[in-house]
Amino acid sequence: MAICGKIFSEQSFDCDSKPTGGIEQTIILINREDINLSTTVLDRTLTDSSGTHKITTLELASGTTGYEFTSIRSKRLFSAGANININDDGPNDWTHTLNTRVFNLCEESLVFLKGLGEGAEVVAVVQTNDKGTDSACAFQVYGFDKGLKLLEATYNSNENKGTVPVVLASQEPDLEPYPPMLYLDTDYATSLAAFENKFAQP
């Protein structure tokens, strides 16, 4: 019988490495259809004695790229989260959520909102403020299996300094089967280079 639910790690508070919340205010959004699933390498296994949950290679299709979104570094206008949905009639699943912001209503921004409104499915890669030992926990991937879709985008010229808060989230019936994935390609430096290159493929 397959092992579907078991824990393997202990958790404790480290006084010398206190956790901090938030994500770096730069995120990469990727059209889910542009991810090359045949060359992207997932390492998420669960046995009776150990478990893994990460992406070690995130590769896009030739000629495609992710898209960088940046905010004010000293603010927390961008955020990411996930919550589990406990189901009585089937396996539990997860809702991934990303809060971002459109800073103007110029044509490029309106095209972005239009694309989301027409049903774009995206995957988000974020860098956490709390990166863990050797920065091995720096990057998280949201919406990898089912994609994030537009949940909310509300513009009011008198609110939010005229910007548009945008919420991307997992939506029924396409909820995520797992919590967000860790992304770690070899080490932090290698992973950061791919992130800063927006995972672009020539």
C-alpha atoms as a PDB file:
ATOM      1  CA  MET A   1       0.000   0.000   0.000  1.00  0.00           C
ATOM      2  CA  ALA A   2       1.284   3.481  -0.858  1.00  0.00           C
ATOM      3  CA  ILE A   3       2.349   5.756   1.961  1.00  0.00           C
ATOM      4  CA  CYS A   4       0.117   8.825   1.729  1.00  0.00           C
ATOM      5  CA  GLY A   5       0.536  10.478   5.095  1.00  0.00           C
ATOM      6  CA  LYS A   6       3.449  10.313   7.532  1.00  0.00           C
ATOM      7  CA  ILE A   7       5.805  12.800   9.218  1.00  0.00           C
ATOM      8  CA  PHE A   8       9.586  12.497   9.369  1.00  0.00           C
ATOM      9  CA  SER A   9      11.044  15.745  10.730  1.00  0.00           C
ATOM     10  CA  GLU A  10      11.112  17.427  14.093  1.00  0.00           C
ATOM     11  CA  GLN A  11      10.409  21.138  14.447  1.00  0.00           C
ATOM     12  CA  SER A  12      11.911  23.442  17.062  1.00  0.00           C
ATOM     13  CA  PHE A  13      12.572  27.134  17.585  1.00  0.00           C
ATOM     14  CA  ASP A  14      16.154  28.210  16.925  1.00  0.00           C
ATOM     15  CA  CYS A  15      17.127  31.175  19.096  1.00  0.00           C
ATOM     16  CA  ASP A  16      20.073  31.930  16.786  1.00  0.00           C
ATOM     17  CA  SER A  17      17.952  31.909  13.646  1.00  0.00           C
ATOM     18  CA  LYS A  18      14.683  33.568  14.447  1.00  0.00           C
ATOM     19  CA  PRO A  19      12.025  33.292  11.726  1.00  0.00           C
ATOM     20  CA  THR A  20      10.931  36.390   9.850  1.00  0.00           C
ATOM     21  CA  GLY A  21       7.828  36.797   7.742  1.00  0.00           C
ATOM     22  CA  GLY A  22       7.300  38.193   4.296  1.00  0.00           C
ATOM     23  CA  ILE A  23       8.682  37.714   0.828  1.00  0.00           C
ATOM     24  CA  GLU A  24      11.148  39.747  -1.185  1.00  0.00           C
ATOM     25  CA  GLN A  25       9.213  42.281  -3.235  1.00  0.00           C
ATOM     26  CA  THR A  26      10.191  40.742  -6.556  1.00  0.00           C
ATOM     27  CA  ILE A  27       8.252  37.793  -7.935  1.00  0.00           C
ATOM     28  CA  ILE A  28       8.406  35.863 -11.180  1.00  0.00           C
ATOM     29  CA  LEU A  29       5.131  34.906 -12.852  1.00  0.00           C
ATOM     30  CA  ILE A  30       5.258  32.151 -15.462  1.00  0.00           C
ATOM     31  CA  ASN A  31       2.530  31.066 -17.854  1.00  0.00           C
ATOM     32  CA  ARG A  32       1.867  27.532 -16.680  1.00  0.00           C
ATOM     33  CA  GLU A  33       1.654  26.283 -20.263  1.00  0.00           C
ATOM     34  CA  ASP A  34       5.240  27.490 -20.847  1.00  0.00           C
ATOM     35  CA  ILE A  35       6.746  25.111 -18.281  1.00  0.00           C
ATOM     36  CA  ASN A  36       8.506  22.190 -19.954  1.00  0.00           C
ATOM     37  CA  LEU A  37       7.236  19.309 -17.835  1.00  0.00           C
ATOM     38  CA  SER A  38       9.482  16.793 -19.584  1.00  0.00           C
ATOM     39  CA  THR A  39      12.673  18.558 -18.430  1.00  0.00           C
ATOM     40  CA  THR A  40      11.481  20.106 -15.168  1.00  0.00           C
ATOM     41  CA  VAL A  41      12.650  17.876 -12.325  1.00  0.00           C
ATOM     42  CA  LEU A  42      10.422  17.289  -9.303  1.00  0.00           C
ATOM     43  CA  ASP A  43      11.655  15.569  -6.168  1.00  0.00           C
ATOM     44  CA  ARG A  44       8.565  14.902  -4.096  1.00  0.00           C
ATOM     45  CA  THR A  45       8.475  11.429  -2.698  1.00  0.00           C
ATOM     46  CA  LEU A  46       6.988   9.905   0.413  1.00  0.00           C
ATOM     47  CA  THR A  47       8.163   6.555   1.693  1.00  0.00           C
ATOM     48  CA  ASP A  48       7.788   4.851   5.041  1.00  0.00           C
ATOM     49  CA  SER A  49      10.975   6.525   6.307  1.00  0.00           C
ATOM     50  CA  SER A  50      11.577   9.814   4.478  1.00  0.00           C
ATOM     51  CA  GLY A  51      10.090  12.507   2.290  1.00  0.00           C
ATOM     52  CA  THR A  52      11.064  15.252  -0.161  1.00  0.00           C
ATOM     53  CA  HIS A  53       9.136  18.185  -1.613  1.00  0.00           C
ATOM     54  CA  LYS A  54      11.087  20.360  -4.047  1.00  0.00           C
ATOM     55  CA  ILE A  55      11.760  21.311  -7.642  1.00  0.00           C
ATOM     56  CA  THR A  56      15.430  20.904  -8.538  1.00  0.00           C
ATOM     57  CA  THR A  57      15.150  22.045 -12.166  1.00  0.00           C
ATOM     58  CA  LEU A  58      12.505  24.482 -13.390  1.00  0.00           C
ATOM     59  CA  GLU A  59      12.786  24.722 -17.141  1.00  0.00           C
ATOM     60  CA  LEU A  60      10.582  26.572 -19.588  1.00  0.00           C
ATOM     61  CA  ALA A  61       9.871  25.787 -23.217  1.00  0.00           C
ATOM     62  CA  SER A  62      12.270  27.165 -25.804  1.00  0.00           C
ATOM     63  CA  GLY A  63      11.717  30.835 -26.552  1.00  0.00           C
ATOM     64  CA  THR A  64       9.647  31.540 -23.417  1.00  0.00           C
ATOM     65  CA  THR A  65      10.321  33.450 -20.235  1.00  0.00           C
ATOM     66  CA  GLY A  66       8.837  34.327 -16.898  1.00  0.00           C
ATOM     67  CA  TYR A  67       7.806  37.893 -16.100  1.00  0.00           C
ATOM     68  CA  GLU A  68       9.245  39.954 -13.280  1.00  0.00           C
ATOM     69  CA  PHE A  69       7.026  42.021 -10.998  1.00  0.00           C
ATOM     70  CA  THR A  70       8.616  44.324  -8.460  1.00  0.00           C
ATOM     71  CA  SER A  71       7.233  46.437  -5.666  1.00  0.00           C
ATOM     72  CA  ILE A  72       8.598  48.893  -3.113  1.00  0.00           C
ATOM     73  CA  ARG A  73      11.284  46.996  -1.217  1.00  0.00           C
ATOM     74  CA  SER A  74      10.458  48.563   2.148  1.00  0.00           C
ATOM     75  CA  LYS A  75       6.746  47.687   1.876  1.00  0.00           C
ATOM     76  CA  ARG A  76       4.881  44.399   1.917  1.00  0.00           C
ATOM     77  CA  LEU A  77       2.528  44.972  -0.975  1.00  0.00           C
ATOM     78  CA  PHE A  78       3.291  41.489  -2.369  1.00  0.00           C
ATOM     79  CA  SER A  79       2.521  38.421  -0.278  1.00  0.00           C
ATOM     80  CA  ALA A  80       2.017  34.700  -0.721  1.00  0.00           C
ATOM     81  CA  GLY A  81       0.131  32.083   1.246  1.00  0.00           C
ATOM     82  CA  ALA A  82      -1.477  28.657   1.286  1.00  0.00           C
ATOM     83  CA  ASN A  83      -4.170  26.951   3.288  1.00  0.00           C
ATOM     84  CA  ILE A  84      -5.330  23.362   3.430  1.00  0.00           C
ATOM     85  CA  ASN A  85      -8.906  22.390   2.598  1.00  0.00           C
ATOM     86  CA  ILE A  86     -10.133  19.486   4.707  1.00  0.00           C
ATOM     87  CA  ASN A  87     -12.572  17.461   2.601  1.00  0.00           C
ATOM     88  CA  ASP A  88     -15.063  14.947   3.931  1.00  0.00           C
ATOM     89  CA  ASP A  89     -15.697  13.316   0.561  1.00  0.00           C
ATOM     90  CA  GLY A  90     -12.205  13.031  -0.918  1.00  0.00           C
ATOM     91  CA  PRO A  91      -8.505  13.816  -0.512  1.00  0.00           C
ATOM     92  CA  ASN A  92      -7.548  17.070   1.127  1.00  0.00           C
ATOM     93  CA  ASP A  93      -6.224  19.805  -1.165  1.00  0.00           C
ATOM     94  CA  TRP A  94      -4.648  23.246  -0.919  1.00  0.00           C
ATOM     95  CA  THR A  95      -5.470  26.796  -1.959  1.00  0.00           C
ATOM     96  CA  HIS A  96      -2.414  28.837  -2.974  1.00  0.00           C
ATOM     97  CA  THR A  97      -2.740  32.629  -2.982  1.00  0.00           C
ATOM     98  CA  LEU A  98      -0.551  35.433  -4.304  1.00  0.00           C
ATOM     99  CA  ASN A  99      -1.246  39.114  -3.670  1.00  0.00           C
ATOM    100  CA  THR A 100       0.410  41.466  -6.133  1.00  0.00           C
ATOM    101  CA  ARG A 101      -0.216  44.945  -7.441  1.00  0.00           C
ATOM    102  CA  VAL A 102      -0.634  46.799 -10.739  1.00  0.00           C
ATOM    103  CA  PHE A 103       0.885  50.250 -10.303  1.00  0.00           C
ATOM    104  CA  ASN A 104      -0.656  52.092 -13.238  1.00  0.00           C
ATOM    105  CA  LEU A 105      -3.331  51.748 -15.882  1.00  0.00           C
ATOM    106  CA  CYS A 106      -1.081  52.168 -18.895  1.00  0.00           C
ATOM    107  CA  GLU A 107      -1.640  49.858 -21.839  1.00  0.00           C
ATOM    108  CA  GLU A 108       0.900  47.238 -20.727  1.00  0.00           C
ATOM    109  CA  SER A 109      -0.801  46.928 -17.337  1.00  0.00           C
ATOM    110  CA  LEU A 110      -4.254  46.783 -18.883  1.00  0.00           C
ATOM    111  CA  VAL A 111      -3.101  44.007 -21.241  1.00  0.00           C
ATOM    112  CA  PHE A 112      -1.799  42.105 -18.193  1.00  0.00           C
ATOM    113  CA  LEU A 113      -5.172  42.435 -16.455  1.00  0.00           C
ATOM    114  CA  LYS A 114      -6.998  41.492 -19.654  1.00  0.00           C
ATOM    115  CA  GLY A 115      -4.915  38.333 -20.021  1.00  0.00           C
ATOM    116  CA  LEU A 116      -5.678  37.304 -16.460  1.00  0.00           C
ATOM    117  CA  GLY A 117      -9.348  38.101 -16.966  1.00  0.00           C
ATOM    118  CA  GLU A 118      -9.423  35.916 -20.078  1.00  0.00           C
ATOM    119  CA  GLY A 119      -8.307  32.896 -18.059  1.00  0.00           C
ATOM    120  CA  ALA A 120      -4.493  32.920 -17.912  1.00  0.00           C
ATOM    121  CA  GLU A 121      -3.041  30.301 -15.552  1.00  0.00           C
ATOM    122  CA  VAL A 122       0.249  31.279 -13.963  1.00  0.00           C
ATOM    123  CA  VAL A 123       2.845  29.826 -11.634  1.00  0.00           C
ATOM    124  CA  ALA A 124       4.569  32.134  -9.151  1.00  0.00           C
ATOM    125  CA  VAL A 125       8.120  31.859  -7.858  1.00  0.00           C
ATOM    126  CA  VAL A 126       8.823  33.980  -4.781  1.00  0.00           C
ATOM    127  CA  GLN A 127      11.871  34.536  -2.623  1.00  0.00           C
ATOM    128  CA  THR A 128      11.238  34.512   1.118  1.00  0.00           C
ATOM    129  CA  ASN A 129      12.803  36.913   3.575  1.00  0.00           C
ATOM    130  CA  ASP A 130      13.618  33.983   5.859  1.00  0.00           C
ATOM    131  CA  LYS A 131      15.881  31.856   3.664  1.00  0.00           C
ATOM    132  CA  GLY A 132      16.980  29.182   6.138  1.00  0.00           C
ATOM    133  CA  THR A 133      20.424  27.676   6.633  1.00  0.00           C
ATOM    134  CA  ASP A 134      22.708  28.340   3.652  1.00  0.00           C
ATOM    135  CA  SER A 135      19.667  30.004   2.014  1.00  0.00           C
ATOM    136  CA  ALA A 136      18.417  26.529   1.100  1.00  0.00           C
ATOM    137  CA  CYS A 137      14.790  27.535   1.731  1.00  0.00           C
ATOM    138  CA  ALA A 138      14.839  30.820  -0.160  1.00  0.00           C
ATOM    139  CA  PHE A 139      12.480  30.076  -3.058  1.00  0.00           C
ATOM    140  CA  GLN A 140       8.917  28.795  -3.100  1.00  0.00           C
ATOM    141  CA  VAL A 141       6.711  27.899  -6.057  1.00  0.00           C
ATOM    142  CA  TYR A 142       2.955  28.508  -5.944  1.00  0.00           C
ATOM    143  CA  GLY A 143       0.377  27.021  -8.313  1.00  0.00           C
ATOM    144  CA  PHE A 144       2.714  24.518  -9.972  1.00  0.00           C
ATOM    145  CA  ASP A 145       0.202  21.700 -10.509  1.00  0.00           C
ATOM    146  CA  LYS A 146      -2.994  23.568 -11.345  1.00  0.00           C
ATOM    147  CA  GLY A 147      -2.030  27.200 -11.837  1.00  0.00           C
ATOM    148  CA  LEU A 148      -3.074  30.424 -10.162  1.00  0.00           C
ATOM    149  CA  LYS A 149      -5.960  32.339 -11.704  1.00  0.00           C
ATOM    150  CA  LEU A 150      -7.362  35.807 -11.244  1.00  0.00           C
ATOM    151  CA  LEU A 151      -9.565  35.924  -8.162  1.00  0.00           C
ATOM    152  CA  GLU A 152      -9.844  39.654  -7.599  1.00  0.00           C
ATOM    153  CA  ALA A 153      -8.745  42.909  -9.201  1.00  0.00           C
ATOM    154  CA  THR A 154     -10.476  46.071  -8.042  1.00  0.00           C
ATOM    155  CA  TYR A 155      -9.623  49.579  -9.226  1.00  0.00           C
ATOM    156  CA  ASN A 156     -10.790  52.714  -7.473  1.00  0.00           C
ATOM    157  CA  SER A 157      -9.036  55.956  -8.372  1.00  0.00           C
ATOM    158  CA  ASN A 158      -9.403  57.184  -4.777  1.00  0.00           C
ATOM    159  CA  GLU A 159      -7.985  54.073  -3.084  1.00  0.00           C
ATOM    160  CA  ASN A 160      -4.596  52.362  -2.849  1.00  0.00           C
ATOM    161  CA  LYS A 161      -2.907  55.433  -4.376  1.00  0.00           C
ATOM    162  CA  GLY A 162      -4.624  54.600  -7.665  1.00  0.00           C
ATOM    163  CA  THR A 163      -2.998  51.161  -7.898  1.00  0.00           C
ATOM    164  CA  VAL A 164      -4.860  47.902  -8.490  1.00  0.00           C
ATOM    165  CA  PRO A 165      -4.516  45.147  -5.866  1.00  0.00           C
ATOM    166  CA  VAL A 166      -4.549  41.814  -7.697  1.00  0.00           C
ATOM    167  CA  VAL A 167      -5.239  38.476  -6.028  1.00  0.00           C
ATOM    168  CA  LEU A 168      -4.218  35.300  -7.855  1.00  0.00           C
ATOM    169  CA  ALA A 169      -5.356  32.029  -6.326  1.00  0.00           C
ATOM    170  CA  SER A 170      -6.146  28.368  -6.823  1.00  0.00           C
ATOM    171  CA  GLN A 171      -9.769  27.998  -7.801  1.00  0.00           C
ATOM    172  CA  GLU A 172     -12.323  25.198  -7.795  1.00  0.00           C
ATOM    173  CA  PRO A 173     -12.172  22.608  -9.152  1.00  0.00           C
ATOM    174  CA  ASP A 174      -8.445  23.091  -9.849  1.00  0.00           C
ATOM    175  CA  LEU A 175      -7.067  23.253  -6.338  1.00  0.00           C
ATOM    176  CA  GLU A 176      -3.475  22.261  -5.615  1.00  0.00           C
ATOM    177  CA  PRO A 177      -2.809  18.714  -4.384  1.00  0.00           C
ATOM    178  CA  TYR A 178       0.155  19.828  -2.248  1.00  0.00           C
ATOM    179  CA  PRO A 179       1.498  22.820  -0.305  1.00  0.00           C
ATOM    180  CA  PRO A 180       3.853  25.169  -2.182  1.00  0.00           C
ATOM    181  CA  MET A 181       6.990  23.550  -3.582  1.00  0.00           C
ATOM    182  CA  LEU A 182      10.511  24.466  -2.555  1.00  0.00           C
ATOM    183  CA  TYR A 183      12.747  25.446  -5.481  1.00  0.00           C
ATOM    184  CA  LEU A 184      16.445  24.641  -5.075  1.00  0.00           C
ATOM    185  CA  ASP A 185      18.678  24.011  -8.073  1.00  0.00           C
ATOM    186  CA  THR A 186      22.024  22.830  -6.635  1.00  0.00           C
ATOM    187  CA  ASP A 187      22.488  25.788  -4.266  1.00  0.00           C
ATOM    188  CA  TYR A 188      21.257  29.310  -3.568  1.00  0.00           C
ATOM    189  CA  ALA A 189      23.573  30.997  -6.086  1.00  0.00           C
ATOM    190  CA  THR A 190      22.421  28.752  -8.932  1.00  0.00           C
ATOM    191  CA  SER A 191      18.783  29.144  -7.984  1.00  0.00           C
ATOM    192  CA  LEU A 192      19.114  32.920  -7.674  1.00  0.00           C
ATOM    193  CA  ALA A 193      20.722  33.158 -11.111  1.00  0.00           C
ATOM    194  CA  ALA A 194      17.790  31.294 -12.693  1.00  0.00           C
ATOM    195  CA  PHE A 195      15.319  33.467 -10.778  1.00  0.00           C
ATOM    196  CA  GLU A 196      17.035  36.703 -11.835  1.00  0.00           C
ATOM    197  CA  ASN A 197      17.079  35.445 -15.429  1.00  0.00           C
ATOM    198  CA  LYS A 198      13.305  34.878 -15.112  1.00  0.00           C
ATOM    199  CA  PHE A 199      13.891  31.208 -16.019  1.00  0.00           C
ATOM    200  CA  ALA A 200      14.088  32.370 -19.652  1.00  0.00           C
ATOM    201  CA  GLN A 201      14.946  29.869 -22.378  1.00  0.00           C
ATOM    202  CA  PRO A 202      16.512  30.943 -25.709  1.00  0.00           C
END
